[in-house]
C-alpha atoms as a PDB file:
ATOM      1  CA  UNK A   1     107.326 108.580  59.505  1.00  0.00           C
ATOM      2  CA  UNK A   2     110.807 110.057  59.160  1.00  0.00           C
ATOM      3  CA  UNK A   3     109.917 113.490  57.801  1.00  0.00           C
ATOM      4  CA  UNK A   4     112.526 115.101  55.570  1.00  0.00           C
ATOM      5  CA  UNK A   5     110.635 117.630  53.457  1.00  0.00           C
ATOM      6  CA  UNK A   6     108.125 118.770  56.079  1.00  0.00           C
ATOM      7  CA  UNK A   7     108.045 119.398  59.819  1.00  0.00           C
ATOM      8  CA  UNK A   8     105.100 118.591  62.121  1.00  0.00           C
ATOM      9  CA  UNK A   9     104.675 120.175  65.541  1.00  0.00           C
ATOM     10  CA  UNK A  10     101.655 119.802  67.844  1.00  0.00           C
ATOM     11  CA  UNK A  11     101.132 122.238  70.689  1.00  0.00           C
ATOM     12  CA  UNK A  12      97.999 123.012  72.740  1.00  0.00           C
ATOM     13  CA  UNK A  13      95.655 121.430  70.237  1.00  0.00           C
ATOM     14  CA  UNK A  14      97.185 123.075  67.158  1.00  0.00           C
ATOM     15  CA  UNK A  15      99.257 121.139  64.627  1.00  0.00           C
ATOM     16  CA  UNK A  16     101.671 123.240  62.592  1.00  0.00           C
ATOM     17  CA  UNK A  17     102.843 121.595  59.375  1.00  0.00           C
ATOM     18  CA  UNK A  18     105.780 123.354  57.745  1.00  0.00           C
ATOM     19  CA  UNK A  19     106.903 122.675  54.189  1.00  0.00           C
ATOM     20  CA  UNK A  20     110.596 122.448  54.895  1.00  0.00           C
ATOM     21  CA  UNK A  21     112.991 122.850  51.987  1.00  0.00           C
ATOM     22  CA  UNK A  22     113.933 126.476  52.669  1.00  0.00           C
ATOM     23  CA  UNK A  23     117.065 126.378  50.528  1.00  0.00           C
ATOM     24  CA  UNK A  24     114.833 125.525  47.550  1.00  0.00           C
ATOM     25  CA  UNK A  25     111.971 127.889  48.444  1.00  0.00           C
ATOM     26  CA  UNK A  26     110.117 124.762  49.629  1.00  0.00           C
ATOM     27  CA  UNK A  27     109.821 123.496  46.056  1.00  0.00           C
ATOM     28  CA  UNK A  28     107.460 120.521  45.912  1.00  0.00           C
ATOM     29  CA  UNK A  29     108.786 116.974  45.629  1.00  0.00           C
ATOM     30  CA  UNK A  30     106.987 113.643  45.501  1.00  0.00           C
ATOM     31  CA  UNK A  31     108.346 112.924  48.964  1.00  0.00           C
ATOM     32  CA  UNK A  32     106.891 116.186  50.251  1.00  0.00           C
ATOM     33  CA  UNK A  33     103.469 115.124  48.990  1.00  0.00           C
ATOM     34  CA  UNK A  34     103.741 111.709  50.660  1.00  0.00           C
ATOM     35  CA  UNK A  35     104.875 113.246  53.938  1.00  0.00           C
ATOM     36  CA  UNK A  36     102.134 115.879  53.861  1.00  0.00           C
ATOM     37  CA  UNK A  37      99.491 113.189  53.300  1.00  0.00           C
ATOM     38  CA  UNK A  38     100.901 111.185  56.211  1.00  0.00           C
ATOM     39  CA  UNK A  39     100.806 114.245  58.475  1.00  0.00           C
ATOM     40  CA  UNK A  40      97.202 115.006  57.480  1.00  0.00           C
ATOM     41  CA  UNK A  41      96.197 111.414  58.259  1.00  0.00           C
ATOM     42  CA  UNK A  42      97.895 111.521  61.660  1.00  0.00           C
ATOM     43  CA  UNK A  43      96.193 114.809  62.525  1.00  0.00           C
ATOM     44  CA  UNK A  44      92.806 113.504  61.400  1.00  0.00           C
ATOM     45  CA  UNK A  45      93.103 110.471  63.672  1.00  0.00           C
ATOM     46  CA  UNK A  46      94.514 112.335  66.707  1.00  0.00           C
ATOM     47  CA  UNK A  47      91.793 113.831  68.897  1.00  0.00           C
ATOM     48  CA  UNK A  48      94.428 115.996  70.589  1.00  0.00           C
ATOM     49  CA  UNK A  49      94.697 117.956  67.328  1.00  0.00           C
ATOM     50  CA  UNK A  50      91.871 120.463  67.032  1.00  0.00           C
ATOM     51  CA  UNK A  51      93.134 122.640  64.156  1.00  0.00           C
ATOM     52  CA  UNK A  52      95.982 122.610  61.629  1.00  0.00           C
ATOM     53  CA  UNK A  53      98.114 125.404  60.191  1.00  0.00           C
ATOM     54  CA  UNK A  54     100.035 124.745  56.967  1.00  0.00           C
ATOM     55  CA  UNK A  55     102.939 127.098  56.234  1.00  0.00           C
ATOM     56  CA  UNK A  56     106.388 127.241  54.656  1.00  0.00           C
ATOM     57  CA  UNK A  57     109.886 127.504  56.096  1.00  0.00           C
ATOM     58  CA  UNK A  58     111.876 130.627  55.344  1.00  0.00           C
ATOM     59  CA  UNK A  59     110.706 133.308  52.942  1.00  0.00           C
ATOM     60  CA  UNK A  60     108.409 131.262  50.663  1.00  0.00           C
ATOM     61  CA  UNK A  61     105.364 129.053  51.083  1.00  0.00           C
ATOM     62  CA  UNK A  62     106.142 126.809  48.106  1.00  0.00           C
ATOM     63  CA  UNK A  63     107.742 127.891  44.832  1.00  0.00           C
ATOM     64  CA  UNK A  64     106.055 125.095  42.875  1.00  0.00           C
ATOM     65  CA  UNK A  65     107.418 121.856  41.465  1.00  0.00           C
ATOM     66  CA  UNK A  66     111.114 121.204  41.952  1.00  0.00           C
ATOM     67  CA  UNK A  67     112.487 121.595  38.418  1.00  0.00           C
ATOM     68  CA  UNK A  68     116.042 120.503  39.207  1.00  0.00           C
ATOM     69  CA  UNK A  69     115.541 117.613  36.782  1.00  0.00           C
ATOM     70  CA  UNK A  70     115.338 120.080  33.895  1.00  0.00           C
ATOM     71  CA  UNK A  71     113.685 118.626  30.790  1.00  0.00           C
ATOM     72  CA  UNK A  72     112.673 115.534  32.766  1.00  0.00           C
ATOM     73  CA  UNK A  73     110.681 117.524  35.340  1.00  0.00           C
ATOM     74  CA  UNK A  74     107.361 116.615  33.734  1.00  0.00           C
ATOM     75  CA  UNK A  75     108.389 113.399  32.046  1.00  0.00           C
ATOM     76  CA  UNK A  76     105.629 110.984  31.084  1.00  0.00           C
ATOM     77  CA  UNK A  77     104.345 108.799  33.929  1.00  0.00           C
ATOM     78  CA  UNK A  78     103.522 105.203  32.998  1.00  0.00           C
ATOM     79  CA  UNK A  79     102.764 104.072  36.540  1.00  0.00           C
ATOM     80  CA  UNK A  80      98.984 103.349  36.686  1.00  0.00           C
ATOM     81  CA  UNK A  81      99.017 104.632  40.280  1.00  0.00           C
ATOM     82  CA  UNK A  82     100.127 108.111  39.135  1.00  0.00           C
ATOM     83  CA  UNK A  83      97.817 110.954  40.196  1.00  0.00           C
ATOM     84  CA  UNK A  84      98.106 114.692  39.678  1.00  0.00           C
ATOM     85  CA  UNK A  85      96.501 115.224  43.107  1.00  0.00           C
ATOM     86  CA  UNK A  86      99.787 116.110  44.801  1.00  0.00           C
ATOM     87  CA  UNK A  87      98.726 114.823  48.224  1.00  0.00           C
ATOM     88  CA  UNK A  88      96.530 112.027  49.528  1.00  0.00           C
ATOM     89  CA  UNK A  89      94.360 112.655  51.460  1.00  0.00           C
ATOM     90  CA  UNK A  90      93.607 116.266  50.508  1.00  0.00           C
ATOM     91  CA  UNK A  91      93.166 118.740  53.342  1.00  0.00           C
ATOM     92  CA  UNK A  92      89.416 119.066  52.888  1.00  0.00           C
ATOM     93  CA  UNK A  93      88.916 115.451  54.036  1.00  0.00           C
ATOM     94  CA  UNK A  94      90.686 116.075  57.358  1.00  0.00           C
ATOM     95  CA  UNK A  95      88.118 116.434  60.140  1.00  0.00           C
ATOM     96  CA  UNK A  96      89.806 119.528  61.574  1.00  0.00           C
ATOM     97  CA  UNK A  97      90.003 123.048  60.131  1.00  0.00           C
ATOM     98  CA  UNK A  98      93.131 123.478  58.004  1.00  0.00           C
ATOM     99  CA  UNK A  99      94.412 127.048  57.647  1.00  0.00           C
ATOM    100  CA  UNK A 100      97.045 127.858  55.032  1.00  0.00           C
ATOM    101  CA  UNK A 101      99.461 130.582  56.151  1.00  0.00           C
ATOM    102  CA  UNK A 102     101.003 131.592  52.832  1.00  0.00           C
ATOM    103  CA  UNK A 103     104.002 133.407  54.272  1.00  0.00           C
ATOM    104  CA  UNK A 104     105.529 134.085  50.847  1.00  0.00           C
ATOM    105  CA  UNK A 105     105.467 133.043  47.204  1.00  0.00           C
ATOM    106  CA  UNK A 106     103.135 130.151  46.290  1.00  0.00           C
ATOM    107  CA  UNK A 107     103.389 129.137  42.655  1.00  0.00           C
ATOM    108  CA  UNK A 108     101.901 126.209  40.736  1.00  0.00           C
ATOM    109  CA  UNK A 109     101.326 123.244  43.011  1.00  0.00           C
ATOM    110  CA  UNK A 110     102.366 125.471  45.895  1.00  0.00           C
ATOM    111  CA  UNK A 111      99.119 127.360  45.431  1.00  0.00           C
ATOM    112  CA  UNK A 112      96.934 124.461  44.291  1.00  0.00           C
ATOM    113  CA  UNK A 113      97.768 122.556  47.506  1.00  0.00           C
ATOM    114  CA  UNK A 114      96.817 125.615  49.557  1.00  0.00           C
ATOM    115  CA  UNK A 115      93.429 125.649  47.802  1.00  0.00           C
ATOM    116  CA  UNK A 116      92.661 122.318  49.528  1.00  0.00           C
ATOM    117  CA  UNK A 117      92.593 124.136  52.869  1.00  0.00           C
ATOM    118  CA  UNK A 118      89.536 125.631  54.559  1.00  0.00           C
ATOM    119  CA  UNK A 119      91.007 129.128  54.925  1.00  0.00           C
ATOM    120  CA  UNK A 120      93.982 131.010  53.535  1.00  0.00           C
ATOM    121  CA  UNK A 121      95.940 134.052  54.712  1.00  0.00           C
ATOM    122  CA  UNK A 122      98.236 135.604  52.098  1.00  0.00           C
ATOM    123  CA  UNK A 123     101.448 137.593  52.479  1.00  0.00           C
ATOM    124  CA  UNK A 124     101.150 140.989  50.830  1.00  0.00           C
ATOM    125  CA  UNK A 125     104.764 140.705  49.617  1.00  0.00           C
ATOM    126  CA  UNK A 126     104.229 137.318  48.004  1.00  0.00           C
ATOM    127  CA  UNK A 127     103.566 136.405  44.404  1.00  0.00           C
ATOM    128  CA  UNK A 128     100.956 133.756  43.665  1.00  0.00           C
ATOM    129  CA  UNK A 129      99.847 131.947  40.566  1.00  0.00           C
ATOM    130  CA  UNK A 130      98.957 128.667  38.913  1.00  0.00           C
ATOM    131  CA  UNK A 131     101.444 128.854  36.074  1.00  0.00           C
ATOM    132  CA  UNK A 132     101.368 125.345  34.621  1.00  0.00           C
ATOM    133  CA  UNK A 133     100.041 126.414  31.207  1.00  0.00           C
ATOM    134  CA  UNK A 134     103.246 128.459  30.888  1.00  0.00           C
ATOM    135  CA  UNK A 135     105.270 125.269  31.467  1.00  0.00           C
ATOM    136  CA  UNK A 136     103.578 123.150  28.808  1.00  0.00           C
ATOM    137  CA  UNK A 137     101.387 121.147  31.168  1.00  0.00           C
ATOM    138  CA  UNK A 138      98.104 121.947  32.936  1.00  0.00           C
ATOM    139  CA  UNK A 139      96.906 122.897  36.436  1.00  0.00           C
ATOM    140  CA  UNK A 140      96.831 120.075  38.955  1.00  0.00           C
ATOM    141  CA  UNK A 141      95.768 119.020  42.411  1.00  0.00           C
ATOM    142  CA  UNK A 142      91.988 119.396  41.945  1.00  0.00           C
ATOM    143  CA  UNK A 143      92.422 123.098  41.064  1.00  0.00           C
ATOM    144  CA  UNK A 144      89.680 123.024  38.409  1.00  0.00           C
ATOM    145  CA  UNK A 145      87.286 122.077  41.225  1.00  0.00           C
ATOM    146  CA  UNK A 146      88.622 124.029  44.209  1.00  0.00           C
ATOM    147  CA  UNK A 147      89.314 127.289  42.410  1.00  0.00           C
ATOM    148  CA  UNK A 148      85.957 127.619  40.696  1.00  0.00           C
ATOM    149  CA  UNK A 149      84.077 127.059  43.941  1.00  0.00           C
ATOM    150  CA  UNK A 150      86.168 129.712  45.690  1.00  0.00           C
ATOM    151  CA  UNK A 151      86.434 132.392  43.031  1.00  0.00           C
ATOM    152  CA  UNK A 152      83.789 131.527  40.420  1.00  0.00           C
ATOM    153  CA  UNK A 153      84.432 130.440  36.860  1.00  0.00           C
ATOM    154  CA  UNK A 154      85.555 133.834  35.533  1.00  0.00           C
ATOM    155  CA  UNK A 155      88.388 134.345  38.038  1.00  0.00           C
ATOM    156  CA  UNK A 156      89.208 130.642  37.806  1.00  0.00           C
ATOM    157  CA  UNK A 157      89.570 131.004  34.037  1.00  0.00           C
ATOM    158  CA  UNK A 158      91.784 134.052  34.470  1.00  0.00           C
ATOM    159  CA  UNK A 159      94.072 132.245  36.916  1.00  0.00           C
ATOM    160  CA  UNK A 160      94.173 128.830  35.237  1.00  0.00           C
ATOM    161  CA  UNK A 161      94.203 129.809  31.570  1.00  0.00           C
ATOM    162  CA  UNK A 162      96.589 132.771  31.647  1.00  0.00           C
ATOM    163  CA  UNK A 163      99.053 131.436  34.222  1.00  0.00           C
ATOM    164  CA  UNK A 164      99.598 135.012  35.371  1.00  0.00           C
ATOM    165  CA  UNK A 165     100.920 135.809  38.825  1.00  0.00           C
ATOM    166  CA  UNK A 166      99.157 138.098  41.268  1.00  0.00           C
ATOM    167  CA  UNK A 167      99.612 139.659  44.692  1.00  0.00           C
ATOM    168  CA  UNK A 168      98.260 138.576  48.057  1.00  0.00           C
ATOM    169  CA  UNK A 169      95.898 141.548  48.032  1.00  0.00           C
ATOM    170  CA  UNK A 170      94.600 140.462  44.613  1.00  0.00           C
ATOM    171  CA  UNK A 171      94.127 136.914  45.945  1.00  0.00           C
ATOM    172  CA  UNK A 172      91.815 138.192  48.670  1.00  0.00           C
ATOM    173  CA  UNK A 173      89.928 140.388  46.201  1.00  0.00           C
ATOM    174  CA  UNK A 174      89.314 137.320  44.020  1.00  0.00           C
ATOM    175  CA  UNK A 175      87.964 135.382  47.010  1.00  0.00           C
ATOM    176  CA  UNK A 176      90.912 133.043  47.577  1.00  0.00           C
ATOM    177  CA  UNK A 177      91.782 134.223  51.080  1.00  0.00           C
ATOM    178  CA  UNK A 178      90.352 135.822  54.188  1.00  0.00           C
ATOM    179  CA  UNK A 179      93.223 138.282  54.745  1.00  0.00           C
ATOM    180  CA  UNK A 180      96.352 139.699  53.158  1.00  0.00           C
ATOM    181  CA  UNK A 181      98.952 140.691  55.743  1.00  0.00           C
ATOM    182  CA  UNK A 182     102.654 141.505  55.904  1.00  0.00           C
ATOM    183  CA  UNK A 183     104.600 138.266  55.695  1.00  0.00           C
ATOM    184  CA  UNK A 184     105.732 138.389  59.335  1.00  0.00           C
ATOM    185  CA  UNK A 185     102.098 138.550  60.465  1.00  0.00           C
ATOM    186  CA  UNK A 186     100.677 135.714  58.361  1.00  0.00           C
ATOM    187  CA  UNK A 187     101.623 132.755  60.573  1.00  0.00           C
ATOM    188  CA  UNK A 188     100.692 134.468  63.872  1.00  0.00           C
ATOM    189  CA  UNK A 189      97.281 135.379  62.433  1.00  0.00           C
ATOM    190  CA  UNK A 190      96.671 131.795  61.300  1.00  0.00           C
ATOM    191  CA  UNK A 191      97.764 130.419  64.670  1.00  0.00           C
ATOM    192  CA  UNK A 192      95.442 132.831  66.476  1.00  0.00           C
ATOM    193  CA  UNK A 193      92.461 131.472  64.529  1.00  0.00           C
ATOM    194  CA  UNK A 194      93.602 127.893  65.111  1.00  0.00           C
ATOM    195  CA  UNK A 195      94.012 128.402  68.866  1.00  0.00           C
ATOM    196  CA  UNK A 196      90.570 129.968  69.123  1.00  0.00           C
ATOM    197  CA  UNK A 197      89.100 126.947  67.317  1.00  0.00           C
ATOM    198  CA  UNK A 198      91.048 124.564  69.568  1.00  0.00           C
ATOM    199  CA  UNK A 199      89.525 126.032  72.737  1.00  0.00           C
ATOM    200  CA  UNK A 200      86.134 127.448  71.899  1.00  0.00           C
ATOM    201  CA  UNK A 201      84.570 125.182  69.265  1.00  0.00           C
ATOM    202  CA  UNK A 202      83.181 121.681  69.729  1.00  0.00           C
ATOM    203  CA  UNK A 203      85.425 119.269  67.787  1.00  0.00           C
ATOM    204  CA  UNK A 204      82.683 116.957  66.570  1.00  0.00           C
ATOM    205  CA  UNK A 205      80.464 119.864  65.551  1.00  0.00           C
ATOM    206  CA  UNK A 206      83.299 121.427  63.560  1.00  0.00           C
ATOM    207  CA  UNK A 207      84.196 118.125  61.898  1.00  0.00           C
ATOM    208  CA  UNK A 208      80.627 117.448  60.804  1.00  0.00           C
ATOM    209  CA  UNK A 209      80.067 120.998  59.572  1.00  0.00           C
ATOM    210  CA  UNK A 210      83.311 120.940  57.597  1.00  0.00           C
ATOM    211  CA  UNK A 211      82.448 117.680  55.873  1.00  0.00           C
ATOM    212  CA  UNK A 212      78.993 118.947  54.881  1.00  0.00           C
ATOM    213  CA  UNK A 213      80.351 122.318  53.764  1.00  0.00           C
ATOM    214  CA  UNK A 214      82.732 120.712  51.281  1.00  0.00           C
ATOM    215  CA  UNK A 215      79.950 118.432  50.013  1.00  0.00           C
ATOM    216  CA  UNK A 216      77.364 121.171  49.741  1.00  0.00           C
ATOM    217  CA  UNK A 217      78.016 122.590  46.278  1.00  0.00           C
ATOM    218  CA  UNK A 218      77.299 119.188  44.757  1.00  0.00           C
ATOM    219  CA  UNK A 219      73.946 118.976  46.543  1.00  0.00           C
ATOM    220  CA  UNK A 220      70.540 120.553  46.095  1.00  0.00           C
ATOM    221  CA  UNK A 221      69.040 122.729  48.824  1.00  0.00           C
ATOM    222  CA  UNK A 222      66.711 119.874  49.720  1.00  0.00           C
ATOM    223  CA  UNK A 223      69.588 117.423  50.037  1.00  0.00           C
ATOM    224  CA  UNK A 224      71.487 119.826  52.298  1.00  0.00           C
ATOM    225  CA  UNK A 225      68.388 120.251  54.459  1.00  0.00           C
ATOM    226  CA  UNK A 226      68.004 116.481  54.771  1.00  0.00           C
ATOM    227  CA  UNK A 227      71.626 116.024  55.792  1.00  0.00           C
ATOM    228  CA  UNK A 228      71.609 119.003  58.182  1.00  0.00           C
ATOM    229  CA  UNK A 229      68.527 117.604  59.891  1.00  0.00           C
ATOM    230  CA  UNK A 230      69.965 114.108  60.245  1.00  0.00           C
ATOM    231  CA  UNK A 231      73.234 115.473  61.594  1.00  0.00           C
ATOM    232  CA  UNK A 232      71.424 117.742  64.063  1.00  0.00           C
ATOM    233  CA  UNK A 233      69.807 114.609  65.474  1.00  0.00           C
ATOM    234  CA  UNK A 234      73.289 113.166  65.979  1.00  0.00           C
ATOM    235  CA  UNK A 235      74.386 116.200  68.039  1.00  0.00           C
ATOM    236  CA  UNK A 236      71.275 117.461  69.830  1.00  0.00           C
ATOM    237  CA  UNK A 237      70.787 116.398  73.435  1.00  0.00           C
ATOM    238  CA  UNK A 238      74.340 115.109  73.784  1.00  0.00           C
ATOM    239  CA  UNK A 239      77.031 116.320  76.157  1.00  0.00           C
ATOM    240  CA  UNK A 240      78.583 118.981  73.939  1.00  0.00           C
ATOM    241  CA  UNK A 241      75.208 120.536  73.101  1.00  0.00           C
ATOM    242  CA  UNK A 242      74.640 120.921  76.845  1.00  0.00           C
ATOM    243  CA  UNK A 243      78.200 122.024  77.622  1.00  0.00           C
ATOM    244  CA  UNK A 244      78.293 124.683  74.925  1.00  0.00           C
ATOM    245  CA  UNK A 245      75.222 126.429  76.309  1.00  0.00           C
ATOM    246  CA  UNK A 246      76.233 126.134  79.964  1.00  0.00           C
ATOM    247  CA  UNK A 247      79.802 127.327  79.337  1.00  0.00           C
ATOM    248  CA  UNK A 248      78.438 130.387  77.582  1.00  0.00           C
ATOM    249  CA  UNK A 249      75.917 131.117  80.340  1.00  0.00           C
ATOM    250  CA  UNK A 250      78.543 130.634  83.045  1.00  0.00           C
ATOM    251  CA  UNK A 251      81.193 132.624  81.131  1.00  0.00           C
ATOM    252  CA  UNK A 252      83.800 129.863  81.273  1.00  0.00           C
ATOM    253  CA  UNK A 253      85.898 127.816  78.880  1.00  0.00           C
ATOM    254  CA  UNK A 254      83.958 124.804  77.564  1.00  0.00           C
ATOM    255  CA  UNK A 255      85.023 121.251  78.352  1.00  0.00           C
ATOM    256  CA  UNK A 256      84.166 119.296  75.218  1.00  0.00           C
ATOM    257  CA  UNK A 257      83.714 115.500  75.407  1.00  0.00           C
ATOM    258  CA  UNK A 258      82.680 114.270  71.939  1.00  0.00           C
ATOM    259  CA  UNK A 259      85.334 113.542  69.316  1.00  0.00           C
ATOM    260  CA  UNK A 260      85.462 112.948  65.557  1.00  0.00           C
ATOM    261  CA  UNK A 261      87.122 109.554  66.006  1.00  0.00           C
ATOM    262  CA  UNK A 262      84.886 108.121  68.750  1.00  0.00           C
ATOM    263  CA  UNK A 263      81.563 109.775  67.902  1.00  0.00           C
ATOM    264  CA  UNK A 264      81.521 110.138  64.116  1.00  0.00           C
ATOM    265  CA  UNK A 265      78.002 109.650  62.717  1.00  0.00           C
ATOM    266  CA  UNK A 266      76.890 107.248  60.073  1.00  0.00           C
ATOM    267  CA  UNK A 267      77.013 109.769  57.253  1.00  0.00           C
ATOM    268  CA  UNK A 268      73.526 110.498  55.860  1.00  0.00           C
END
């Protein structure tokens, strides 16, 4: 795909996806959403990609919807294919860890897209918020589902129903991120995690665990146990289960063989 609003770079097992409209603070466009979904699909299907970092060009992550159209920004959509999802597929369906490096402001859909990711690192200088109720519409991109499972219903209500902005430090306190760092340190920290994943974790094991983790809150404890057991049977006794132990005992870098594309289980 001819990317215009994003950039995709793959290096040593790590894909870096950059929202790339720096002159507009990476304001979201429909094209950006299409391109981001295409990049996620490519990364999911490429066994050379072991982890993904999502970040923004310049001083912002994403300032929200591009409102250059003025009063027509949120005009009524009659297309039956319209979805408020923002991107298809969402990051949680990608069979690789996706780490959001929020290097600066993330407002509205800029933040709701980041909530699709598995981990988030926030810039301490940034401002963050899901402000749609202050624009006469409502929060989007699965945020009523992602936010409540991350922060609980009380913080989700505070964020979604007030539309107030908050700091990166506040975001971590509310459970939205794993770290708040100076903006210049956000991307390097995310890349360090991604590179560690790319070398030291078994790709099929990570992919299976991620899929079950995102499913888990809709399941009972018994259902999780049943799925964990079935998926253990898919992994135990195979090459990576042997390699992981031997690499650790021999104090060397593991040489993983199984892949999400070639060895994906029949999902229980």
